[in-house]
Amino acid sequence: MSMEFKNLLFEKRGPIVILTFNRPQALNALNEETLRDLLHACRQIREDREIRAVVLTGAGGKAFVAGADIKAMGEMAPLDALRFARLGHRAFAMLEKLDPVVIAAVDGYALGGGCELVLCCDLILATPESKFGQPEVNLGIIPGFGGTQRLGRLIGRNRAKDLIFTGRQIAAQEAYEYGLVQKIVSKEELMKEALQWAEQILSKGPIAIELSKKAINNGMETDLHTGCELERNAFATVFATEDRKEGVQAFLEKRKPHFKGR
């Protein structure tokens, strides 16, 4: 099943959705229309309980998302910029909070808003040719879609300062060493690997995956004591599910479990 958006391709394959940013002539740069497409797509995913994994990628073979639309930003007054940033934050926060696992399949540039988009995903694959960075200071501006906040939380404060202050781009291998990327694969294997990763996750208990994601994400925003309390509550919650009974029984019977989710 596919859905129609202007700058975003939405393809549903059973419990997996592939979202493809589709402005190759602009290296998939994020303009207002694309951000609104992303918002609407996230709403569709949120409402469809069958969906358990989302794969994000970019069309054209040169960029995942090369950044926000610089031409559009060049005409913005401060209030316009504030509205644009709010729209980006809203779309990215909705993506980050989706119950399904979100996998970024990056081939080419993931810069500026594209790097900030990657930071909202749960798992990141990249080709060796991919480049990551927050080059906004080269334009006399700063990251506006969460980069000053999420990047440091993921790779460490001073590494984030280095990338943001210098505006330099890093290759996939350095991004892997920083913990920004989890796997590096060839162009030819990128989507195959992303879908296999999704399938592996789909074979696990869906409620357990969903609650694990919430515990990790919410715990990162608080202190250790509160985070452990979130984990304890989530741990107790799964014990009220049929999936927990099935998982334990399947283990004892030495067979594959048949999870049903909610």
C-alpha atoms as a PDB file:
ATOM      1  CA  MET A   1       0.000   0.000   0.000  1.00  0.00           C
ATOM      2  CA  SER A   2       1.247   3.510  -0.809  1.00  0.00           C
ATOM      3  CA  MET A   3       0.018   6.983   0.088  1.00  0.00           C
ATOM      4  CA  GLU A   4       0.347  10.253  -1.793  1.00  0.00           C
ATOM      5  CA  PHE A   5       2.415  13.156  -0.455  1.00  0.00           C
ATOM      6  CA  LYS A   6       4.116  15.818  -2.528  1.00  0.00           C
ATOM      7  CA  ASN A   7       7.689  15.438  -1.248  1.00  0.00           C
ATOM      8  CA  LEU A   8       7.514  12.141   0.624  1.00  0.00           C
ATOM      9  CA  LEU A   9       6.918   8.611  -0.640  1.00  0.00           C
ATOM     10  CA  PHE A  10       4.926   6.447   1.785  1.00  0.00           C
ATOM     11  CA  GLU A  11       5.072   2.706   1.112  1.00  0.00           C
ATOM     12  CA  LYS A  12       3.523   0.207   3.483  1.00  0.00           C
ATOM     13  CA  ARG A  13       4.698  -3.406   3.379  1.00  0.00           C
ATOM     14  CA  GLY A  14       2.638  -5.161   6.019  1.00  0.00           C
ATOM     15  CA  PRO A  15       3.960  -4.002   9.410  1.00  0.00           C
ATOM     16  CA  ILE A  16       6.815  -1.989   7.831  1.00  0.00           C
ATOM     17  CA  VAL A  17       6.560   1.506   6.324  1.00  0.00           C
ATOM     18  CA  ILE A  18       9.260   2.935   4.057  1.00  0.00           C
ATOM     19  CA  LEU A  19       9.327   6.743   4.015  1.00  0.00           C
ATOM     20  CA  THR A  20      11.432   8.219   1.214  1.00  0.00           C
ATOM     21  CA  PHE A  21      12.246  11.919   1.094  1.00  0.00           C
ATOM     22  CA  ASN A  22      11.599  12.740  -2.532  1.00  0.00           C
ATOM     23  CA  ARG A  23      13.088  16.082  -3.593  1.00  0.00           C
ATOM     24  CA  PRO A  24      16.195  14.743  -5.347  1.00  0.00           C
ATOM     25  CA  GLN A  25      16.563  17.917  -7.416  1.00  0.00           C
ATOM     26  CA  ALA A  26      17.128  19.759  -4.101  1.00  0.00           C
ATOM     27  CA  LEU A  27      19.071  16.907  -2.440  1.00  0.00           C
ATOM     28  CA  ASN A  28      15.892  16.222  -0.427  1.00  0.00           C
ATOM     29  CA  ALA A  29      16.237  19.501   1.470  1.00  0.00           C
ATOM     30  CA  LEU A  30      13.546  20.141   4.057  1.00  0.00           C
ATOM     31  CA  ASN A  31      11.148  22.922   3.141  1.00  0.00           C
ATOM     32  CA  GLU A  32       7.849  23.685   4.876  1.00  0.00           C
ATOM     33  CA  GLU A  33       5.906  21.397   2.563  1.00  0.00           C
ATOM     34  CA  THR A  34       8.202  18.439   3.250  1.00  0.00           C
ATOM     35  CA  LEU A  35       7.972  18.962   7.009  1.00  0.00           C
ATOM     36  CA  ARG A  36       4.181  19.009   6.772  1.00  0.00           C
ATOM     37  CA  ASP A  37       4.321  15.801   4.723  1.00  0.00           C
ATOM     38  CA  LEU A  38       6.401  14.231   7.503  1.00  0.00           C
ATOM     39  CA  LEU A  39       3.885  15.365  10.131  1.00  0.00           C
ATOM     40  CA  HIS A  40       0.979  13.848   8.206  1.00  0.00           C
ATOM     41  CA  ALA A  41       2.885  10.617   7.582  1.00  0.00           C
ATOM     42  CA  CYS A  42       3.709  10.300  11.296  1.00  0.00           C
ATOM     43  CA  ARG A  43       0.039  10.794  12.152  1.00  0.00           C
ATOM     44  CA  GLN A  44      -0.882   7.979   9.747  1.00  0.00           C
ATOM     45  CA  ILE A  45       1.720   5.704  11.305  1.00  0.00           C
ATOM     46  CA  ARG A  46       0.579   6.569  14.817  1.00  0.00           C
ATOM     47  CA  GLU A  47      -3.022   5.661  13.991  1.00  0.00           C
ATOM     48  CA  ASP A  48      -2.195   2.334  12.299  1.00  0.00           C
ATOM     49  CA  ARG A  49      -1.514  -0.220  15.025  1.00  0.00           C
ATOM     50  CA  GLU A  50      -0.325  -2.786  12.476  1.00  0.00           C
ATOM     51  CA  ILE A  51       2.823  -0.746  11.759  1.00  0.00           C
ATOM     52  CA  ARG A  52       5.777  -1.789  13.902  1.00  0.00           C
ATOM     53  CA  ALA A  53       8.803  -0.482  12.003  1.00  0.00           C
ATOM     54  CA  VAL A  54       9.593   2.558   9.859  1.00  0.00           C
ATOM     55  CA  VAL A  55      12.541   2.905   7.482  1.00  0.00           C
ATOM     56  CA  LEU A  56      13.569   6.429   6.434  1.00  0.00           C
ATOM     57  CA  THR A  57      15.641   7.004   3.313  1.00  0.00           C
ATOM     58  CA  GLY A  58      16.255   9.594   0.592  1.00  0.00           C
ATOM     59  CA  ALA A  59      15.669   9.507  -3.168  1.00  0.00           C
ATOM     60  CA  GLY A  60      18.241  10.243  -5.836  1.00  0.00           C
ATOM     61  CA  GLY A  61      21.346   8.434  -4.584  1.00  0.00           C
ATOM     62  CA  LYS A  62      23.206  11.609  -3.527  1.00  0.00           C
ATOM     63  CA  ALA A  63      21.569  12.610  -0.247  1.00  0.00           C
ATOM     64  CA  PHE A  64      19.497  11.287   2.604  1.00  0.00           C
ATOM     65  CA  VAL A  65      18.509  14.856   3.460  1.00  0.00           C
ATOM     66  CA  ALA A  66      21.099  17.543   2.704  1.00  0.00           C
ATOM     67  CA  GLY A  67      19.616  20.004   5.212  1.00  0.00           C
ATOM     68  CA  ALA A  68      16.873  22.585   5.458  1.00  0.00           C
ATOM     69  CA  ASP A  69      15.985  24.527   2.327  1.00  0.00           C
ATOM     70  CA  ILE A  70      18.573  27.341   2.260  1.00  0.00           C
ATOM     71  CA  LYS A  71      16.811  29.243  -0.519  1.00  0.00           C
ATOM     72  CA  ALA A  72      13.604  29.386   1.534  1.00  0.00           C
ATOM     73  CA  MET A  73      15.511  30.418   4.676  1.00  0.00           C
ATOM     74  CA  GLY A  74      17.202  33.248   2.821  1.00  0.00           C
ATOM     75  CA  GLU A  75      13.880  35.075   2.619  1.00  0.00           C
ATOM     76  CA  MET A  76      12.836  34.553   6.248  1.00  0.00           C
ATOM     77  CA  ALA A  77      12.364  37.284   8.835  1.00  0.00           C
ATOM     78  CA  PRO A  78      12.910  36.303  12.500  1.00  0.00           C
ATOM     79  CA  LEU A  79       9.224  35.458  13.048  1.00  0.00           C
ATOM     80  CA  ASP A  80       9.212  33.364   9.871  1.00  0.00           C
ATOM     81  CA  ALA A  81      12.295  31.534  11.144  1.00  0.00           C
ATOM     82  CA  LEU A  82      10.591  30.898  14.485  1.00  0.00           C
ATOM     83  CA  ARG A  83       7.533  29.419  12.776  1.00  0.00           C
ATOM     84  CA  PHE A  84       9.764  27.269  10.552  1.00  0.00           C
ATOM     85  CA  ALA A  85      11.750  26.008  13.550  1.00  0.00           C
ATOM     86  CA  ARG A  86       8.553  25.224  15.456  1.00  0.00           C
ATOM     87  CA  LEU A  87       7.241  23.222  12.494  1.00  0.00           C
ATOM     88  CA  GLY A  88      10.495  21.273  12.268  1.00  0.00           C
ATOM     89  CA  HIS A  89      10.539  20.601  16.005  1.00  0.00           C
ATOM     90  CA  ARG A  90       6.927  19.434  15.906  1.00  0.00           C
ATOM     91  CA  ALA A  91       7.539  17.034  13.021  1.00  0.00           C
ATOM     92  CA  PHE A  92      10.782  15.671  14.461  1.00  0.00           C
ATOM     93  CA  ALA A  93       9.308  15.215  17.951  1.00  0.00           C
ATOM     94  CA  MET A  94       6.383  13.268  16.499  1.00  0.00           C
ATOM     95  CA  LEU A  95       8.793  11.039  14.580  1.00  0.00           C
ATOM     96  CA  GLU A  96      10.937  10.497  17.687  1.00  0.00           C
ATOM     97  CA  LYS A  97       7.912   9.547  19.803  1.00  0.00           C
ATOM     98  CA  LEU A  98       6.417   7.011  17.392  1.00  0.00           C
ATOM     99  CA  ASP A  99       5.845   3.587  18.972  1.00  0.00           C
ATOM    100  CA  PRO A 100       7.319   1.706  15.968  1.00  0.00           C
ATOM    101  CA  VAL A 101      11.091   1.418  15.731  1.00  0.00           C
ATOM    102  CA  VAL A 102      12.458   3.993  13.266  1.00  0.00           C
ATOM    103  CA  ILE A 103      15.509   3.033  11.191  1.00  0.00           C
ATOM    104  CA  ALA A 104      17.406   5.611   9.124  1.00  0.00           C
ATOM    105  CA  ALA A 105      18.987   4.204   5.950  1.00  0.00           C
ATOM    106  CA  VAL A 106      21.455   6.948   5.022  1.00  0.00           C
ATOM    107  CA  ASP A 107      23.154   7.158   1.639  1.00  0.00           C
ATOM    108  CA  GLY A 108      24.935  10.417   0.901  1.00  0.00           C
ATOM    109  CA  TYR A 109      24.534  13.713   2.731  1.00  0.00           C
ATOM    110  CA  ALA A 110      22.819  13.924   6.127  1.00  0.00           C
ATOM    111  CA  LEU A 111      23.665  17.505   6.966  1.00  0.00           C
ATOM    112  CA  GLY A 112      21.986  20.215   9.018  1.00  0.00           C
ATOM    113  CA  GLY A 113      18.311  19.318   9.220  1.00  0.00           C
ATOM    114  CA  GLY A 114      19.173  15.918   7.732  1.00  0.00           C
ATOM    115  CA  CYS A 115      21.569  15.153  10.579  1.00  0.00           C
ATOM    116  CA  GLU A 116      18.969  16.417  13.060  1.00  0.00           C
ATOM    117  CA  LEU A 117      16.454  14.068  11.443  1.00  0.00           C
ATOM    118  CA  VAL A 118      18.820  11.128  11.933  1.00  0.00           C
ATOM    119  CA  LEU A 119      19.111  12.038  15.626  1.00  0.00           C
ATOM    120  CA  CYS A 120      15.370  11.370  16.011  1.00  0.00           C
ATOM    121  CA  CYS A 121      15.692   7.788  14.730  1.00  0.00           C
ATOM    122  CA  ASP A 122      16.269   4.700  16.852  1.00  0.00           C
ATOM    123  CA  LEU A 123      18.842   2.966  14.653  1.00  0.00           C
ATOM    124  CA  ILE A 124      21.045   4.324  11.874  1.00  0.00           C
ATOM    125  CA  LEU A 125      22.566   2.527   8.895  1.00  0.00           C
ATOM    126  CA  ALA A 126      24.890   4.355   6.497  1.00  0.00           C
ATOM    127  CA  THR A 127      26.891   3.728   3.353  1.00  0.00           C
ATOM    128  CA  PRO A 128      30.657   4.423   3.394  1.00  0.00           C
ATOM    129  CA  GLU A 129      30.066   7.466   1.168  1.00  0.00           C
ATOM    130  CA  SER A 130      27.665   9.114   3.624  1.00  0.00           C
ATOM    131  CA  LYS A 131      28.505  12.417   5.309  1.00  0.00           C
ATOM    132  CA  PHE A 132      27.110  13.815   8.555  1.00  0.00           C
ATOM    133  CA  GLY A 133      27.370  17.257  10.081  1.00  0.00           C
ATOM    134  CA  GLN A 134      25.809  20.474  11.356  1.00  0.00           C
ATOM    135  CA  PRO A 135      27.221  23.095   8.975  1.00  0.00           C
ATOM    136  CA  GLU A 136      24.813  25.900   9.902  1.00  0.00           C
ATOM    137  CA  VAL A 137      27.541  28.205  11.273  1.00  0.00           C
ATOM    138  CA  ASN A 138      28.928  28.416   7.731  1.00  0.00           C
ATOM    139  CA  LEU A 139      25.755  30.378   6.925  1.00  0.00           C
ATOM    140  CA  GLY A 140      25.880  32.472  10.084  1.00  0.00           C
ATOM    141  CA  ILE A 141      23.007  30.546  11.709  1.00  0.00           C
ATOM    142  CA  ILE A 142      22.684  27.671  14.186  1.00  0.00           C
ATOM    143  CA  PRO A 143      20.907  24.297  14.103  1.00  0.00           C
ATOM    144  CA  GLY A 144      17.171  24.916  14.396  1.00  0.00           C
ATOM    145  CA  PHE A 145      15.547  21.466  14.516  1.00  0.00           C
ATOM    146  CA  GLY A 146      17.040  20.129  17.758  1.00  0.00           C
ATOM    147  CA  GLY A 147      20.693  19.638  16.832  1.00  0.00           C
ATOM    148  CA  THR A 148      22.082  21.670  19.740  1.00  0.00           C
ATOM    149  CA  GLN A 149      20.152  19.411  22.127  1.00  0.00           C
ATOM    150  CA  ARG A 150      20.038  15.909  20.649  1.00  0.00           C
ATOM    151  CA  LEU A 151      23.555  15.696  19.204  1.00  0.00           C
ATOM    152  CA  GLY A 152      25.307  16.201  22.551  1.00  0.00           C
ATOM    153  CA  ARG A 153      23.017  13.697  24.236  1.00  0.00           C
ATOM    154  CA  LEU A 154      24.013  11.086  21.668  1.00  0.00           C
ATOM    155  CA  ILE A 155      27.743  11.637  21.055  1.00  0.00           C
ATOM    156  CA  GLY A 156      28.785  13.761  24.042  1.00  0.00           C
ATOM    157  CA  ARG A 157      28.809  17.493  24.723  1.00  0.00           C
ATOM    158  CA  ASN A 158      32.281  18.376  23.452  1.00  0.00           C
ATOM    159  CA  ARG A 159      32.071  16.289  20.297  1.00  0.00           C
ATOM    160  CA  ALA A 160      28.784  18.035  19.554  1.00  0.00           C
ATOM    161  CA  LYS A 161      30.444  21.409  20.154  1.00  0.00           C
ATOM    162  CA  ASP A 162      33.245  20.458  17.767  1.00  0.00           C
ATOM    163  CA  LEU A 163      30.827  19.570  14.951  1.00  0.00           C
ATOM    164  CA  ILE A 164      28.543  22.547  15.525  1.00  0.00           C
ATOM    165  CA  PHE A 165      31.288  25.157  16.105  1.00  0.00           C
ATOM    166  CA  THR A 166      33.427  24.085  13.122  1.00  0.00           C
ATOM    167  CA  GLY A 167      30.601  23.111  10.784  1.00  0.00           C
ATOM    168  CA  ARG A 168      32.753  20.250   9.528  1.00  0.00           C
ATOM    169  CA  GLN A 169      31.401  17.117   7.909  1.00  0.00           C
ATOM    170  CA  ILE A 170      32.351  13.656   9.123  1.00  0.00           C
ATOM    171  CA  ALA A 171      32.390  10.438   7.114  1.00  0.00           C
ATOM    172  CA  ALA A 172      30.379   7.366   8.045  1.00  0.00           C
ATOM    173  CA  GLN A 173      33.361   5.707   9.757  1.00  0.00           C
ATOM    174  CA  GLU A 174      33.901   8.633  12.140  1.00  0.00           C
ATOM    175  CA  ALA A 175      30.141   8.817  12.743  1.00  0.00           C
ATOM    176  CA  TYR A 176      30.278   5.098  13.606  1.00  0.00           C
ATOM    177  CA  GLU A 177      33.140   5.678  16.025  1.00  0.00           C
ATOM    178  CA  TYR A 178      31.137   8.472  17.669  1.00  0.00           C
ATOM    179  CA  GLY A 179      28.104   6.186  18.114  1.00  0.00           C
ATOM    180  CA  LEU A 180      25.984   8.195  15.691  1.00  0.00           C
ATOM    181  CA  VAL A 181      25.839   5.291  13.208  1.00  0.00           C
ATOM    182  CA  GLN A 182      25.326   1.647  14.221  1.00  0.00           C
ATOM    183  CA  LYS A 183      26.209  -0.112  10.950  1.00  0.00           C
ATOM    184  CA  ILE A 184      28.027   0.736   7.709  1.00  0.00           C
ATOM    185  CA  VAL A 185      26.938  -1.202   4.609  1.00  0.00           C
ATOM    186  CA  SER A 186      27.363  -0.849   0.852  1.00  0.00           C
ATOM    187  CA  LYS A 187      24.928   1.112  -1.305  1.00  0.00           C
ATOM    188  CA  GLU A 188      23.696  -2.129  -2.810  1.00  0.00           C
ATOM    189  CA  GLU A 189      22.950  -3.664   0.591  1.00  0.00           C
ATOM    190  CA  LEU A 190      21.542  -0.579   2.347  1.00  0.00           C
ATOM    191  CA  MET A 191      17.794  -1.126   1.989  1.00  0.00           C
ATOM    192  CA  LYS A 192      18.101  -4.896   2.201  1.00  0.00           C
ATOM    193  CA  GLU A 193      19.978  -4.567   5.497  1.00  0.00           C
ATOM    194  CA  ALA A 194      17.523  -1.990   6.839  1.00  0.00           C
ATOM    195  CA  LEU A 195      14.556  -4.244   6.078  1.00  0.00           C
ATOM    196  CA  GLN A 196      16.307  -7.287   7.555  1.00  0.00           C
ATOM    197  CA  TRP A 197      17.003  -5.287  10.709  1.00  0.00           C
ATOM    198  CA  ALA A 198      13.328  -4.347  10.847  1.00  0.00           C
ATOM    199  CA  GLU A 199      12.285  -7.985  10.343  1.00  0.00           C
ATOM    200  CA  GLN A 200      14.570  -9.111  13.164  1.00  0.00           C
ATOM    201  CA  ILE A 201      12.913  -6.624  15.502  1.00  0.00           C
ATOM    202  CA  LEU A 202       9.448  -7.663  14.277  1.00  0.00           C
ATOM    203  CA  SER A 203      10.134 -11.212  15.452  1.00  0.00           C
ATOM    204  CA  LYS A 204      10.357 -10.011  19.065  1.00  0.00           C
ATOM    205  CA  GLY A 205       7.591  -9.157  21.511  1.00  0.00           C
ATOM    206  CA  PRO A 206       5.939  -5.985  20.136  1.00  0.00           C
ATOM    207  CA  ILE A 207       4.815  -4.646  23.514  1.00  0.00           C
ATOM    208  CA  ALA A 208       8.268  -5.306  24.953  1.00  0.00           C
ATOM    209  CA  ILE A 209       9.903  -3.375  22.096  1.00  0.00           C
ATOM    210  CA  GLU A 210       7.475  -0.473  22.469  1.00  0.00           C
ATOM    211  CA  LEU A 211       7.948  -0.201  26.229  1.00  0.00           C
ATOM    212  CA  SER A 212      11.727  -0.595  25.942  1.00  0.00           C
ATOM    213  CA  LYS A 213      11.853   2.308  23.481  1.00  0.00           C
ATOM    214  CA  LYS A 214       9.767   4.512  25.783  1.00  0.00           C
ATOM    215  CA  ALA A 215      11.848   3.609  28.839  1.00  0.00           C
ATOM    216  CA  ILE A 216      15.117   4.393  27.032  1.00  0.00           C
ATOM    217  CA  ASN A 217      13.944   7.651  25.456  1.00  0.00           C
ATOM    218  CA  ASN A 218      12.151   8.973  28.526  1.00  0.00           C
ATOM    219  CA  GLY A 219      14.928   7.819  30.832  1.00  0.00           C
ATOM    220  CA  MET A 220      17.502   9.790  28.848  1.00  0.00           C
ATOM    221  CA  GLU A 221      15.600  12.965  29.704  1.00  0.00           C
ATOM    222  CA  THR A 222      15.738  12.464  33.459  1.00  0.00           C
ATOM    223  CA  ASP A 223      18.029  11.341  36.299  1.00  0.00           C
ATOM    224  CA  LEU A 224      19.070   7.727  36.849  1.00  0.00           C
ATOM    225  CA  HIS A 225      16.761   7.177  39.821  1.00  0.00           C
ATOM    226  CA  THR A 226      13.685   8.357  37.897  1.00  0.00           C
ATOM    227  CA  GLY A 227      14.781   6.422  34.815  1.00  0.00           C
ATOM    228  CA  CYS A 228      15.039   3.201  36.825  1.00  0.00           C
ATOM    229  CA  GLU A 229      11.545   3.823  38.188  1.00  0.00           C
ATOM    230  CA  LEU A 230      10.296   4.130  34.587  1.00  0.00           C
ATOM    231  CA  GLU A 231      11.963   0.804  33.821  1.00  0.00           C
ATOM    232  CA  ARG A 232      10.459  -0.941  36.841  1.00  0.00           C
ATOM    233  CA  ASN A 233       6.964   0.212  35.886  1.00  0.00           C
ATOM    234  CA  ALA A 234       7.437  -0.903  32.275  1.00  0.00           C
ATOM    235  CA  PHE A 235       8.830  -4.244  33.461  1.00  0.00           C
ATOM    236  CA  ALA A 236       5.744  -4.808  35.621  1.00  0.00           C
ATOM    237  CA  THR A 237       3.437  -3.777  32.775  1.00  0.00           C
ATOM    238  CA  VAL A 238       4.688  -6.479  30.389  1.00  0.00           C
ATOM    239  CA  PHE A 239       3.895  -9.119  33.017  1.00  0.00           C
ATOM    240  CA  ALA A 240       0.208  -8.329  32.518  1.00  0.00           C
ATOM    241  CA  THR A 241       0.358  -9.219  28.804  1.00  0.00           C
ATOM    242  CA  GLU A 242      -0.393 -12.395  26.874  1.00  0.00           C
ATOM    243  CA  ASP A 243       2.899 -11.891  25.029  1.00  0.00           C
ATOM    244  CA  ARG A 244       4.845 -12.420  28.243  1.00  0.00           C
ATOM    245  CA  LYS A 245       3.016 -15.714  28.869  1.00  0.00           C
ATOM    246  CA  GLU A 246       3.595 -16.821  25.277  1.00  0.00           C
ATOM    247  CA  GLY A 247       7.268 -15.849  25.313  1.00  0.00           C
ATOM    248  CA  VAL A 248       8.017 -17.765  28.511  1.00  0.00           C
ATOM    249  CA  GLN A 249       5.983 -20.792  27.415  1.00  0.00           C
ATOM    250  CA  ALA A 250       7.686 -20.879  24.014  1.00  0.00           C
ATOM    251  CA  PHE A 251      11.096 -20.764  25.694  1.00  0.00           C
ATOM    252  CA  LEU A 252      10.200 -23.654  27.988  1.00  0.00           C
ATOM    253  CA  GLU A 253       8.794 -25.659  25.062  1.00  0.00           C
ATOM    254  CA  LYS A 254      11.837 -24.844  22.887  1.00  0.00           C
ATOM    255  CA  ARG A 255       9.804 -23.316  20.058  1.00  0.00           C
ATOM    256  CA  LYS A 256       9.426 -19.924  18.404  1.00  0.00           C
ATOM    257  CA  PRO A 257       6.960 -17.641  20.174  1.00  0.00           C
ATOM    258  CA  HIS A 258       3.858 -16.335  18.402  1.00  0.00           C
ATOM    259  CA  PHE A 259       3.436 -12.844  19.737  1.00  0.00           C
ATOM    260  CA  LYS A 260       0.165 -10.975  19.180  1.00  0.00           C
ATOM    261  CA  GLY A 261       0.880  -7.533  20.643  1.00  0.00           C
ATOM    262  CA  ARG A 262      -1.975  -5.397  21.859  1.00  0.00           C
END
